[in-house]
Amino acid sequence: PVHWFTDTVAVQPPGPGGCTATVSVNQWTGGFVATVKVTAGSSAINSWAVTITLPSGATVTNAWNANRSADSGATRWTNVAYNGRVGAGQSTEFGFQANGTAGGLTPACAAG
């Protein structure tokens, strides 16, 4: 049987010019998809970077709307050409699919 659950975590409230990242996870036996929402604070941002540490055994197999620094462990996700600029209070999303278990993913966002 396939078991699905969704988990959403919000961290790091945005300051002026900052950003917040939240993640929603759809988990099944052997893998998961994570959708990460990047929201600008009270000022527009021109670029963003989100760091997420994946649990042991989790390996990214596919990703969209972001560049990544690694497939496992401490990963850094950065905007691509078309989604770096985010208006004040607006958001953009990226996502990835991975093998393993998501556990409690805690994203941190930095704006440029």
PDB file of N, CA and C in Angstrom:
ATOM      1  N   PRO A   1       0.831  -1.204   0.000  1.00  0.00           N
ATOM      2  CA  PRO A   1       0.000   0.000   0.000  1.00  0.00           C
ATOM      3  C   PRO A   1       0.870   1.261   0.000  1.00  0.00           C
ATOM      4  N   VAL A   2       0.360   2.307  -0.593  1.00  0.00           N
ATOM      5  CA  VAL A   2       1.060   3.584  -0.630  1.00  0.00           C
ATOM      6  C   VAL A   2       0.541   4.445   0.512  1.00  0.00           C
ATOM      7  N   HIS A   3       1.454   4.987   1.297  1.00  0.00           N
ATOM      8  CA  HIS A   3       1.089   5.847   2.419  1.00  0.00           C
ATOM      9  C   HIS A   3       1.593   7.252   2.139  1.00  0.00           C
ATOM     10  N   TRP A   4       0.712   8.228   2.134  1.00  0.00           N
ATOM     11  CA  TRP A   4       1.065   9.618   1.876  1.00  0.00           C
ATOM     12  C   TRP A   4       0.902  10.423   3.147  1.00  0.00           C
ATOM     13  N   PHE A   5       1.785  11.366   3.368  1.00  0.00           N
ATOM     14  CA  PHE A   5       1.539  12.353   4.399  1.00  0.00           C
ATOM     15  C   PHE A   5       2.148  13.666   3.948  1.00  0.00           C
ATOM     16  N   THR A   6       1.644  14.736   4.470  1.00  0.00           N
ATOM     17  CA  THR A   6       2.150  16.054   4.127  1.00  0.00           C
ATOM     18  C   THR A   6       2.616  16.734   5.401  1.00  0.00           C
ATOM     19  N   ASP A   7       3.773  17.356   5.324  1.00  0.00           N
ATOM     20  CA  ASP A   7       4.357  18.034   6.471  1.00  0.00           C
ATOM     21  C   ASP A   7       4.804  19.420   6.012  1.00  0.00           C
ATOM     22  N   THR A   8       4.409  20.462   6.732  1.00  0.00           N
ATOM     23  CA  THR A   8       4.802  21.820   6.376  1.00  0.00           C
ATOM     24  C   THR A   8       5.518  22.452   7.556  1.00  0.00           C
ATOM     25  N   VAL A   9       6.674  23.060   7.288  1.00  0.00           N
ATOM     26  CA  VAL A   9       7.462  23.692   8.332  1.00  0.00           C
ATOM     27  C   VAL A   9       7.793  25.110   7.881  1.00  0.00           C
ATOM     28  N   ALA A  10       7.601  26.087   8.749  1.00  0.00           N
ATOM     29  CA  ALA A  10       7.965  27.470   8.438  1.00  0.00           C
ATOM     30  C   ALA A  10       9.028  27.922   9.427  1.00  0.00           C
ATOM     31  N   VAL A  11      10.046  28.577   8.917  1.00  0.00           N
ATOM     32  CA  VAL A  11      11.116  29.078   9.780  1.00  0.00           C
ATOM     33  C   VAL A  11      11.556  30.452   9.316  1.00  0.00           C
ATOM     34  N   GLN A  12      12.349  31.106  10.134  1.00  0.00           N
ATOM     35  CA  GLN A  12      13.032  32.340   9.804  1.00  0.00           C
ATOM     36  C   GLN A  12      12.098  33.418   9.251  1.00  0.00           C
ATOM     37  N   PRO A  13      11.389  34.144  10.119  1.00  0.00           N
ATOM     38  CA  PRO A  13      10.517  35.205   9.627  1.00  0.00           C
ATOM     39  C   PRO A  13      11.307  36.248   8.846  1.00  0.00           C
ATOM     40  N   PRO A  14      10.750  36.747   7.759  1.00  0.00           N
ATOM     41  CA  PRO A  14      11.517  37.669   6.922  1.00  0.00           C
ATOM     42  C   PRO A  14      11.616  39.054   7.532  1.00  0.00           C
ATOM     43  N   GLY A  15      12.754  39.651   7.374  1.00  0.00           N
ATOM     44  CA  GLY A  15      12.923  41.064   7.713  1.00  0.00           C
ATOM     45  C   GLY A  15      12.805  41.851   6.425  1.00  0.00           C
ATOM     46  N   PRO A  16      13.017  43.147   6.479  1.00  0.00           N
ATOM     47  CA  PRO A  16      13.003  43.930   5.238  1.00  0.00           C
ATOM     48  C   PRO A  16      14.033  43.372   4.254  1.00  0.00           C
ATOM     49  N   GLY A  17      13.596  43.076   3.055  1.00  0.00           N
ATOM     50  CA  GLY A  17      14.503  42.542   2.045  1.00  0.00           C
ATOM     51  C   GLY A  17      14.845  41.083   2.236  1.00  0.00           C
ATOM     52  N   GLY A  18      14.326  40.456   3.284  1.00  0.00           N
ATOM     53  CA  GLY A  18      14.635  39.065   3.551  1.00  0.00           C
ATOM     54  C   GLY A  18      13.653  38.131   2.881  1.00  0.00           C
ATOM     55  N   CYS A  19      13.722  36.857   3.243  1.00  0.00           N
ATOM     56  CA  CYS A  19      12.798  35.879   2.683  1.00  0.00           C
ATOM     57  C   CYS A  19      12.536  34.782   3.694  1.00  0.00           C
ATOM     58  N   THR A  20      11.457  34.081   3.482  1.00  0.00           N
ATOM     59  CA  THR A  20      11.079  32.928   4.288  1.00  0.00           C
ATOM     60  C   THR A  20      10.946  31.730   3.355  1.00  0.00           C
ATOM     61  N   ALA A  21      11.311  30.555   3.830  1.00  0.00           N
ATOM     62  CA  ALA A  21      11.110  29.334   3.057  1.00  0.00           C
ATOM     63  C   ALA A  21      10.261  28.367   3.866  1.00  0.00           C
ATOM     64  N   THR A  22       9.270  27.772   3.214  1.00  0.00           N
ATOM     65  CA  THR A  22       8.472  26.715   3.820  1.00  0.00           C
ATOM     66  C   THR A  22       8.537  25.504   2.905  1.00  0.00           C
ATOM     67  N   VAL A  23       8.385  24.331   3.466  1.00  0.00           N
ATOM     68  CA  VAL A  23       8.449  23.112   2.663  1.00  0.00           C
ATOM     69  C   VAL A  23       7.238  22.236   2.945  1.00  0.00           C
ATOM     70  N   SER A  24       6.675  21.680   1.875  1.00  0.00           N
ATOM     71  CA  SER A  24       5.608  20.685   1.969  1.00  0.00           C
ATOM     72  C   SER A  24       6.152  19.385   1.390  1.00  0.00           C
ATOM     73  N   VAL A  25       5.903  18.286   2.082  1.00  0.00           N
ATOM     74  CA  VAL A  25       6.461  16.992   1.683  1.00  0.00           C
ATOM     75  C   VAL A  25       5.343  15.995   1.430  1.00  0.00           C
ATOM     76  N   ASN A  26       5.428  15.295   0.315  1.00  0.00           N
ATOM     77  CA  ASN A  26       4.606  14.121   0.050  1.00  0.00           C
ATOM     78  C   ASN A  26       5.533  12.916   0.109  1.00  0.00           C
ATOM     79  N   GLN A  27       5.355  12.078   1.122  1.00  0.00           N
ATOM     80  CA  GLN A  27       6.231  10.938   1.383  1.00  0.00           C
ATOM     81  C   GLN A  27       5.522   9.641   0.995  1.00  0.00           C
ATOM     82  N   TRP A  28       6.247   8.709   0.423  1.00  0.00           N
ATOM     83  CA  TRP A  28       5.747   7.366   0.194  1.00  0.00           C
ATOM     84  C   TRP A  28       6.865   6.406   0.540  1.00  0.00           C
ATOM     85  N   THR A  29       6.579   5.122   0.553  1.00  0.00           N
ATOM     86  CA  THR A  29       7.593   4.145   0.890  1.00  0.00           C
ATOM     87  C   THR A  29       8.741   4.243  -0.113  1.00  0.00           C
ATOM     88  N   GLY A  30       9.916   4.623   0.354  1.00  0.00           N
ATOM     89  CA  GLY A  30      11.099   4.673  -0.488  1.00  0.00           C
ATOM     90  C   GLY A  30      11.405   6.011  -1.117  1.00  0.00           C
ATOM     91  N   GLY A  31      10.560   7.020  -0.933  1.00  0.00           N
ATOM     92  CA  GLY A  31      10.878   8.295  -1.558  1.00  0.00           C
ATOM     93  C   GLY A  31       9.912   9.395  -1.175  1.00  0.00           C
ATOM     94  N   PHE A  32      10.174  10.589  -1.686  1.00  0.00           N
ATOM     95  CA  PHE A  32       9.322  11.728  -1.392  1.00  0.00           C
ATOM     96  C   PHE A  32       9.523  12.834  -2.420  1.00  0.00           C
ATOM     97  N   VAL A  33       8.555  13.729  -2.475  1.00  0.00           N
ATOM     98  CA  VAL A  33       8.661  14.968  -3.238  1.00  0.00           C
ATOM     99  C   VAL A  33       8.523  16.113  -2.248  1.00  0.00           C
ATOM    100  N   ALA A  34       9.419  17.079  -2.331  1.00  0.00           N
ATOM    101  CA  ALA A  34       9.356  18.273  -1.492  1.00  0.00           C
ATOM    102  C   ALA A  34       9.095  19.483  -2.380  1.00  0.00           C
ATOM    103  N   THR A  35       8.126  20.306  -1.989  1.00  0.00           N
ATOM    104  CA  THR A  35       7.843  21.561  -2.668  1.00  0.00           C
ATOM    105  C   THR A  35       8.211  22.680  -1.701  1.00  0.00           C
ATOM    106  N   VAL A  36       9.111  23.565  -2.134  1.00  0.00           N
ATOM    107  CA  VAL A  36       9.611  24.630  -1.273  1.00  0.00           C
ATOM    108  C   VAL A  36       9.092  25.966  -1.795  1.00  0.00           C
ATOM    109  N   LYS A  37       8.474  26.727  -0.912  1.00  0.00           N
ATOM    110  CA  LYS A  37       7.930  28.039  -1.249  1.00  0.00           C
ATOM    111  C   LYS A  37       8.832  29.109  -0.645  1.00  0.00           C
ATOM    112  N   VAL A  38       9.330  30.002  -1.503  1.00  0.00           N
ATOM    113  CA  VAL A  38      10.185  31.111  -1.082  1.00  0.00           C
ATOM    114  C   VAL A  38       9.341  32.378  -1.143  1.00  0.00           C
ATOM    115  N   THR A  39       9.196  33.069  -0.010  1.00  0.00           N
ATOM    116  CA  THR A  39       8.383  34.279   0.060  1.00  0.00           C
ATOM    117  C   THR A  39       9.256  35.456   0.458  1.00  0.00           C
ATOM    118  N   ALA A  40       9.168  36.546  -0.312  1.00  0.00           N
ATOM    119  CA  ALA A  40       9.923  37.762  -0.007  1.00  0.00           C
ATOM    120  C   ALA A  40       9.296  38.470   1.180  1.00  0.00           C
ATOM    121  N   GLY A  41      10.109  39.211   1.909  1.00  0.00           N
ATOM    122  CA  GLY A  41       9.617  39.999   3.037  1.00  0.00           C
ATOM    123  C   GLY A  41       8.965  41.283   2.560  1.00  0.00           C
ATOM    124  N   SER A  42       9.158  42.348   3.299  1.00  0.00           N
ATOM    125  CA  SER A  42       8.487  43.615   3.008  1.00  0.00           C
ATOM    126  C   SER A  42       9.117  44.372   1.845  1.00  0.00           C
ATOM    127  N   SER A  43      10.245  43.894   1.339  1.00  0.00           N
ATOM    128  CA  SER A  43      10.891  44.486   0.159  1.00  0.00           C
ATOM    129  C   SER A  43      11.113  43.402  -0.890  1.00  0.00           C
ATOM    130  N   ALA A  44      11.155  43.790  -2.142  1.00  0.00           N
ATOM    131  CA  ALA A  44      11.448  42.842  -3.226  1.00  0.00           C
ATOM    132  C   ALA A  44      12.865  42.303  -3.065  1.00  0.00           C
ATOM    133  N   ILE A  45      13.082  41.087  -3.546  1.00  0.00           N
ATOM    134  CA  ILE A  45      14.426  40.500  -3.553  1.00  0.00           C
ATOM    135  C   ILE A  45      14.821  40.205  -4.992  1.00  0.00           C
ATOM    136  N   ASN A  46      16.121  40.205  -5.254  1.00  0.00           N
ATOM    137  CA  ASN A  46      16.631  39.979  -6.604  1.00  0.00           C
ATOM    138  C   ASN A  46      17.172  38.567  -6.802  1.00  0.00           C
ATOM    139  N   SER A  47      17.430  37.882  -5.694  1.00  0.00           N
ATOM    140  CA  SER A  47      17.903  36.499  -5.758  1.00  0.00           C
ATOM    141  C   SER A  47      17.642  35.862  -4.395  1.00  0.00           C
ATOM    142  N   TRP A  48      17.708  34.537  -4.357  1.00  0.00           N
ATOM    143  CA  TRP A  48      17.502  33.823  -3.107  1.00  0.00           C
ATOM    144  C   TRP A  48      18.322  32.548  -3.075  1.00  0.00           C
ATOM    145  N   ALA A  49      18.581  32.091  -1.865  1.00  0.00           N
ATOM    146  CA  ALA A  49      19.262  30.816  -1.644  1.00  0.00           C
ATOM    147  C   ALA A  49      18.603  30.146  -0.442  1.00  0.00           C
ATOM    148  N   VAL A  50      18.287  28.878  -0.578  1.00  0.00           N
ATOM    149  CA  VAL A  50      17.656  28.115   0.495  1.00  0.00           C
ATOM    150  C   VAL A  50      18.579  26.953   0.845  1.00  0.00           C
ATOM    151  N   THR A  51      18.845  26.781   2.136  1.00  0.00           N
ATOM    152  CA  THR A  51      19.631  25.640   2.581  1.00  0.00           C
ATOM    153  C   THR A  51      18.707  24.641   3.273  1.00  0.00           C
ATOM    154  N   ILE A  52      18.894  23.380   2.935  1.00  0.00           N
ATOM    155  CA  ILE A  52      18.130  22.279   3.520  1.00  0.00           C
ATOM    156  C   ILE A  52      19.100  21.123   3.748  1.00  0.00           C
ATOM    157  N   THR A  53      19.110  20.593   4.949  1.00  0.00           N
ATOM    158  CA  THR A  53      19.921  19.409   5.222  1.00  0.00           C
ATOM    159  C   THR A  53      19.022  18.183   5.120  1.00  0.00           C
ATOM    160  N   LEU A  54      19.376  17.307   4.190  1.00  0.00           N
ATOM    161  CA  LEU A  54      18.607  16.076   3.992  1.00  0.00           C
ATOM    162  C   LEU A  54      19.055  15.020   4.991  1.00  0.00           C
ATOM    163  N   PRO A  55      18.123  14.197   5.476  1.00  0.00           N
ATOM    164  CA  PRO A  55      18.506  13.152   6.417  1.00  0.00           C
ATOM    165  C   PRO A  55      19.412  12.108   5.760  1.00  0.00           C
ATOM    166  N   SER A  56      20.127  11.384   6.581  1.00  0.00           N
ATOM    167  CA  SER A  56      20.990  10.316   6.105  1.00  0.00           C
ATOM    168  C   SER A  56      20.186   9.344   5.251  1.00  0.00           C
ATOM    169  N   GLY A  57      20.707   8.985   4.095  1.00  0.00           N
ATOM    170  CA  GLY A  57      20.041   8.045   3.207  1.00  0.00           C
ATOM    171  C   GLY A  57      19.149   8.685   2.164  1.00  0.00           C
ATOM    172  N   ALA A  58      18.846   9.974   2.312  1.00  0.00           N
ATOM    173  CA  ALA A  58      18.013  10.664   1.314  1.00  0.00           C
ATOM    174  C   ALA A  58      18.912  11.217   0.211  1.00  0.00           C
ATOM    175  N   THR A  59      18.537  10.957  -1.037  1.00  0.00           N
ATOM    176  CA  THR A  59      19.312  11.404  -2.190  1.00  0.00           C
ATOM    177  C   THR A  59      18.386  11.997  -3.234  1.00  0.00           C
ATOM    178  N   VAL A  60      18.693  13.215  -3.672  1.00  0.00           N
ATOM    179  CA  VAL A  60      17.882  13.893  -4.682  1.00  0.00           C
ATOM    180  C   VAL A  60      18.058  13.195  -6.026  1.00  0.00           C
ATOM    181  N   THR A  61      16.935  12.898  -6.692  1.00  0.00           N
ATOM    182  CA  THR A  61      16.974  12.254  -8.003  1.00  0.00           C
ATOM    183  C   THR A  61      16.508  13.186  -9.115  1.00  0.00           C
ATOM    184  N   ASN A  62      15.780  14.243  -8.765  1.00  0.00           N
ATOM    185  CA  ASN A  62      15.269  15.173  -9.767  1.00  0.00           C
ATOM    186  C   ASN A  62      14.927  16.479  -9.063  1.00  0.00           C
ATOM    187  N   ALA A  63      15.031  17.600  -9.772  1.00  0.00           N
ATOM    188  CA  ALA A  63      14.677  18.899  -9.187  1.00  0.00           C
ATOM    189  C   ALA A  63      14.205  19.828 -10.295  1.00  0.00           C
ATOM    190  N   TRP A  64      13.430  20.847  -9.899  1.00  0.00           N
ATOM    191  CA  TRP A  64      12.920  21.799 -10.872  1.00  0.00           C
ATOM    192  C   TRP A  64      12.879  23.200 -10.267  1.00  0.00           C
ATOM    193  N   ASN A  65      13.074  24.189 -11.098  1.00  0.00           N
ATOM    194  CA  ASN A  65      12.996  25.619 -10.763  1.00  0.00           C
ATOM    195  C   ASN A  65      14.065  26.096  -9.789  1.00  0.00           C
ATOM    196  N   ALA A  66      15.169  25.355  -9.644  1.00  0.00           N
ATOM    197  CA  ALA A  66      16.275  25.783  -8.789  1.00  0.00           C
ATOM    198  C   ALA A  66      17.539  25.016  -9.171  1.00  0.00           C
ATOM    199  N   ASN A  67      18.688  25.613  -8.855  1.00  0.00           N
ATOM    200  CA  ASN A  67      19.972  24.928  -8.962  1.00  0.00           C
ATOM    201  C   ASN A  67      20.319  24.372  -7.595  1.00  0.00           C
ATOM    202  N   ARG A  68      21.033  23.238  -7.545  1.00  0.00           N
ATOM    203  CA  ARG A  68      21.401  22.656  -6.259  1.00  0.00           C
ATOM    204  C   ARG A  68      22.897  22.410  -6.184  1.00  0.00           C
ATOM    205  N   SER A  69      23.395  22.456  -4.954  1.00  0.00           N
ATOM    206  CA  SER A  69      24.829  22.286  -4.722  1.00  0.00           C
ATOM    207  C   SER A  69      25.216  20.828  -4.526  1.00  0.00           C
ATOM    208  N   ALA A  70      24.264  19.988  -4.122  1.00  0.00           N
ATOM    209  CA  ALA A  70      24.573  18.587  -3.814  1.00  0.00           C
ATOM    210  C   ALA A  70      23.299  17.763  -3.911  1.00  0.00           C
ATOM    211  N   ASP A  71      23.459  16.430  -3.960  1.00  0.00           N
ATOM    212  CA  ASP A  71      22.320  15.519  -4.026  1.00  0.00           C
ATOM    213  C   ASP A  71      21.971  14.910  -2.671  1.00  0.00           C
ATOM    214  N   SER A  72      22.810  15.137  -1.658  1.00  0.00           N
ATOM    215  CA  SER A  72      22.547  14.578  -0.334  1.00  0.00           C
ATOM    216  C   SER A  72      23.211  15.450   0.719  1.00  0.00           C
ATOM    217  N   GLY A  73      22.852  15.200   1.974  1.00  0.00           N
ATOM    218  CA  GLY A  73      23.441  15.969   3.071  1.00  0.00           C
ATOM    219  C   GLY A  73      22.991  17.420   3.055  1.00  0.00           C
ATOM    220  N   ALA A  74      23.934  18.330   3.317  1.00  0.00           N
ATOM    221  CA  ALA A  74      23.631  19.761   3.324  1.00  0.00           C
ATOM    222  C   ALA A  74      23.524  20.243   1.874  1.00  0.00           C
ATOM    223  N   THR A  75      22.330  20.673   1.485  1.00  0.00           N
ATOM    224  CA  THR A  75      22.118  21.138   0.110  1.00  0.00           C
ATOM    225  C   THR A  75      21.802  22.625   0.120  1.00  0.00           C
ATOM    226  N   ARG A  76      22.291  23.324  -0.913  1.00  0.00           N
ATOM    227  CA  ARG A  76      22.001  24.747  -1.092  1.00  0.00           C
ATOM    228  C   ARG A  76      21.312  24.899  -2.432  1.00  0.00           C
ATOM    229  N   TRP A  77      20.131  25.495  -2.412  1.00  0.00           N
ATOM    230  CA  TRP A  77      19.301  25.666  -3.597  1.00  0.00           C
ATOM    231  C   TRP A  77      19.278  27.155  -3.947  1.00  0.00           C
ATOM    232  N   THR A  78      19.563  27.486  -5.199  1.00  0.00           N
ATOM    233  CA  THR A  78      19.567  28.889  -5.617  1.00  0.00           C
ATOM    234  C   THR A  78      18.629  29.077  -6.806  1.00  0.00           C
ATOM    235  N   ASN A  79      18.156  30.311  -6.940  1.00  0.00           N
ATOM    236  CA  ASN A  79      17.223  30.608  -8.021  1.00  0.00           C
ATOM    237  C   ASN A  79      17.852  30.376  -9.386  1.00  0.00           C
ATOM    238  N   VAL A  80      16.999  30.135 -10.361  1.00  0.00           N
ATOM    239  CA  VAL A  80      17.405  30.088 -11.758  1.00  0.00           C
ATOM    240  C   VAL A  80      17.078  31.454 -12.367  1.00  0.00           C
ATOM    241  N   ALA A  81      17.405  31.656 -13.638  1.00  0.00           N
ATOM    242  CA  ALA A  81      17.311  32.979 -14.258  1.00  0.00           C
ATOM    243  C   ALA A  81      15.918  33.602 -14.159  1.00  0.00           C
ATOM    244  N   TYR A  82      14.881  32.776 -14.258  1.00  0.00           N
ATOM    245  CA  TYR A  82      13.536  33.328 -14.369  1.00  0.00           C
ATOM    246  C   TYR A  82      12.790  33.487 -13.044  1.00  0.00           C
ATOM    247  N   ASN A  83      13.359  33.048 -11.899  1.00  0.00           N
ATOM    248  CA  ASN A  83      12.591  33.156 -10.653  1.00  0.00           C
ATOM    249  C   ASN A  83      13.359  33.766  -9.484  1.00  0.00           C
ATOM    250  N   GLY A  84      14.409  34.507  -9.775  1.00  0.00           N
ATOM    251  CA  GLY A  84      15.188  35.144  -8.708  1.00  0.00           C
ATOM    252  C   GLY A  84      14.532  36.385  -8.141  1.00  0.00           C
ATOM    253  N   ARG A  85      13.923  37.184  -8.994  1.00  0.00           N
ATOM    254  CA  ARG A  85      13.281  38.411  -8.528  1.00  0.00           C
ATOM    255  C   ARG A  85      11.883  38.083  -8.020  1.00  0.00           C
ATOM    256  N   VAL A  86      11.629  38.416  -6.755  1.00  0.00           N
ATOM    257  CA  VAL A  86      10.338  38.152  -6.123  1.00  0.00           C
ATOM    258  C   VAL A  86       9.876  39.460  -5.490  1.00  0.00           C
ATOM    259  N   GLY A  87       8.682  39.895  -5.854  1.00  0.00           N
ATOM    260  CA  GLY A  87       8.138  41.143  -5.326  1.00  0.00           C
ATOM    261  C   GLY A  87       7.863  41.057  -3.835  1.00  0.00           C
ATOM    262  N   ALA A  88       7.795  42.208  -3.180  1.00  0.00           N
ATOM    263  CA  ALA A  88       7.522  42.266  -1.742  1.00  0.00           C
ATOM    264  C   ALA A  88       6.251  41.485  -1.413  1.00  0.00           C
ATOM    265  N   GLY A  89       6.361  40.548  -0.484  1.00  0.00           N
ATOM    266  CA  GLY A  89       5.220  39.748  -0.069  1.00  0.00           C
ATOM    267  C   GLY A  89       4.799  38.676  -1.054  1.00  0.00           C
ATOM    268  N   GLN A  90       5.497  38.554  -2.172  1.00  0.00           N
ATOM    269  CA  GLN A  90       5.164  37.561  -3.197  1.00  0.00           C
ATOM    270  C   GLN A  90       6.020  36.317  -2.994  1.00  0.00           C
ATOM    271  N   SER A  91       5.711  35.266  -3.743  1.00  0.00           N
ATOM    272  CA  SER A  91       6.467  34.026  -3.566  1.00  0.00           C
ATOM    273  C   SER A  91       6.701  33.316  -4.887  1.00  0.00           C
ATOM    274  N   THR A  92       7.643  32.386  -4.851  1.00  0.00           N
ATOM    275  CA  THR A  92       7.938  31.490  -5.956  1.00  0.00           C
ATOM    276  C   THR A  92       8.176  30.114  -5.345  1.00  0.00           C
ATOM    277  N   GLU A  93       8.139  29.082  -6.175  1.00  0.00           N
ATOM    278  CA  GLU A  93       8.324  27.725  -5.659  1.00  0.00           C
ATOM    279  C   GLU A  93       9.347  26.956  -6.480  1.00  0.00           C
ATOM    280  N   PHE A  94      10.010  26.026  -5.808  1.00  0.00           N
ATOM    281  CA  PHE A  94      10.829  25.024  -6.498  1.00  0.00           C
ATOM    282  C   PHE A  94      10.575  23.695  -5.814  1.00  0.00           C
ATOM    283  N   GLY A  95      11.053  22.633  -6.426  1.00  0.00           N
ATOM    284  CA  GLY A  95      10.802  21.332  -5.830  1.00  0.00           C
ATOM    285  C   GLY A  95      11.860  20.322  -6.191  1.00  0.00           C
ATOM    286  N   PHE A  96      11.809  19.203  -5.489  1.00  0.00           N
ATOM    287  CA  PHE A  96      12.724  18.105  -5.803  1.00  0.00           C
ATOM    288  C   PHE A  96      12.117  16.780  -5.370  1.00  0.00           C
ATOM    289  N   GLN A  97      12.559  15.740  -6.046  1.00  0.00           N
ATOM    290  CA  GLN A  97      12.188  14.371  -5.710  1.00  0.00           C
ATOM    291  C   GLN A  97      13.433  13.687  -5.175  1.00  0.00           C
ATOM    292  N   ALA A  98      13.242  12.827  -4.185  1.00  0.00           N
ATOM    293  CA  ALA A  98      14.382  12.139  -3.583  1.00  0.00           C
ATOM    294  C   ALA A  98      14.011  10.730  -3.170  1.00  0.00           C
ATOM    295  N   ASN A  99      15.025   9.884  -3.088  1.00  0.00           N
ATOM    296  CA  ASN A  99      14.884   8.558  -2.494  1.00  0.00           C
ATOM    297  C   ASN A  99      15.055   8.699  -0.995  1.00  0.00           C
ATOM    298  N   GLY A 100      14.512   7.761  -0.246  1.00  0.00           N
ATOM    299  CA  GLY A 100      14.688   7.778   1.199  1.00  0.00           C
ATOM    300  C   GLY A 100      13.517   8.434   1.898  1.00  0.00           C
ATOM    301  N   THR A 101      13.756   8.838   3.146  1.00  0.00           N
ATOM    302  CA  THR A 101      12.729   9.430   3.992  1.00  0.00           C
ATOM    303  C   THR A 101      13.048  10.897   4.225  1.00  0.00           C
ATOM    304  N   ALA A 102      12.032  11.755   4.140  1.00  0.00           N
ATOM    305  CA  ALA A 102      12.236  13.197   4.292  1.00  0.00           C
ATOM    306  C   ALA A 102      12.567  13.579   5.731  1.00  0.00           C
ATOM    307  N   GLY A 103      11.924  12.916   6.693  1.00  0.00           N
ATOM    308  CA  GLY A 103      12.113  13.337   8.074  1.00  0.00           C
ATOM    309  C   GLY A 103      11.603  14.759   8.248  1.00  0.00           C
ATOM    310  N   GLY A 104      12.208  15.511   9.153  1.00  0.00           N
ATOM    311  CA  GLY A 104      11.810  16.899   9.357  1.00  0.00           C
ATOM    312  C   GLY A 104      12.728  17.842   8.619  1.00  0.00           C
ATOM    313  N   LEU A 105      12.371  18.234   7.426  1.00  0.00           N
ATOM    314  CA  LEU A 105      13.189  19.165   6.649  1.00  0.00           C
ATOM    315  C   LEU A 105      12.987  20.582   7.180  1.00  0.00           C
ATOM    316  N   THR A 106      14.073  21.286   7.447  1.00  0.00           N
ATOM    317  CA  THR A 106      13.996  22.656   7.961  1.00  0.00           C
ATOM    318  C   THR A 106      14.740  23.584   7.022  1.00  0.00           C
ATOM    319  N   PRO A 107      14.015  24.291   6.147  1.00  0.00           N
ATOM    320  CA  PRO A 107      14.685  25.177   5.201  1.00  0.00           C
ATOM    321  C   PRO A 107      15.040  26.530   5.838  1.00  0.00           C
ATOM    322  N   ALA A 108      16.116  27.109   5.388  1.00  0.00           N
ATOM    323  CA  ALA A 108      16.503  28.468   5.779  1.00  0.00           C
ATOM    324  C   ALA A 108      16.725  29.270   4.496  1.00  0.00           C
ATOM    325  N   CYS A 109      16.204  30.495   4.463  1.00  0.00           N
ATOM    326  CA  CYS A 109      16.265  31.305   3.249  1.00  0.00           C
ATOM    327  C   CYS A 109      17.137  32.534   3.467  1.00  0.00           C
ATOM    328  N   ALA A 110      17.928  32.853   2.457  1.00  0.00           N
ATOM    329  CA  ALA A 110      18.706  34.095   2.451  1.00  0.00           C
ATOM    330  C   ALA A 110      18.425  34.811   1.132  1.00  0.00           C
ATOM    331  N   ALA A 111      18.198  36.114   1.205  1.00  0.00           N
ATOM    332  CA  ALA A 111      17.886  36.899   0.014  1.00  0.00           C
ATOM    333  C   ALA A 111      19.100  37.689  -0.431  1.00  0.00           C
ATOM    334  N   GLY A 112      19.146  37.937  -1.743  1.00  0.00           N
ATOM    335  CA  GLY A 112      20.226  38.753  -2.298  1.00  0.00           C
ATOM    336  C   GLY A 112      19.674  39.955  -3.003  1.00  0.00           C
TER     337      GLY A 112
END
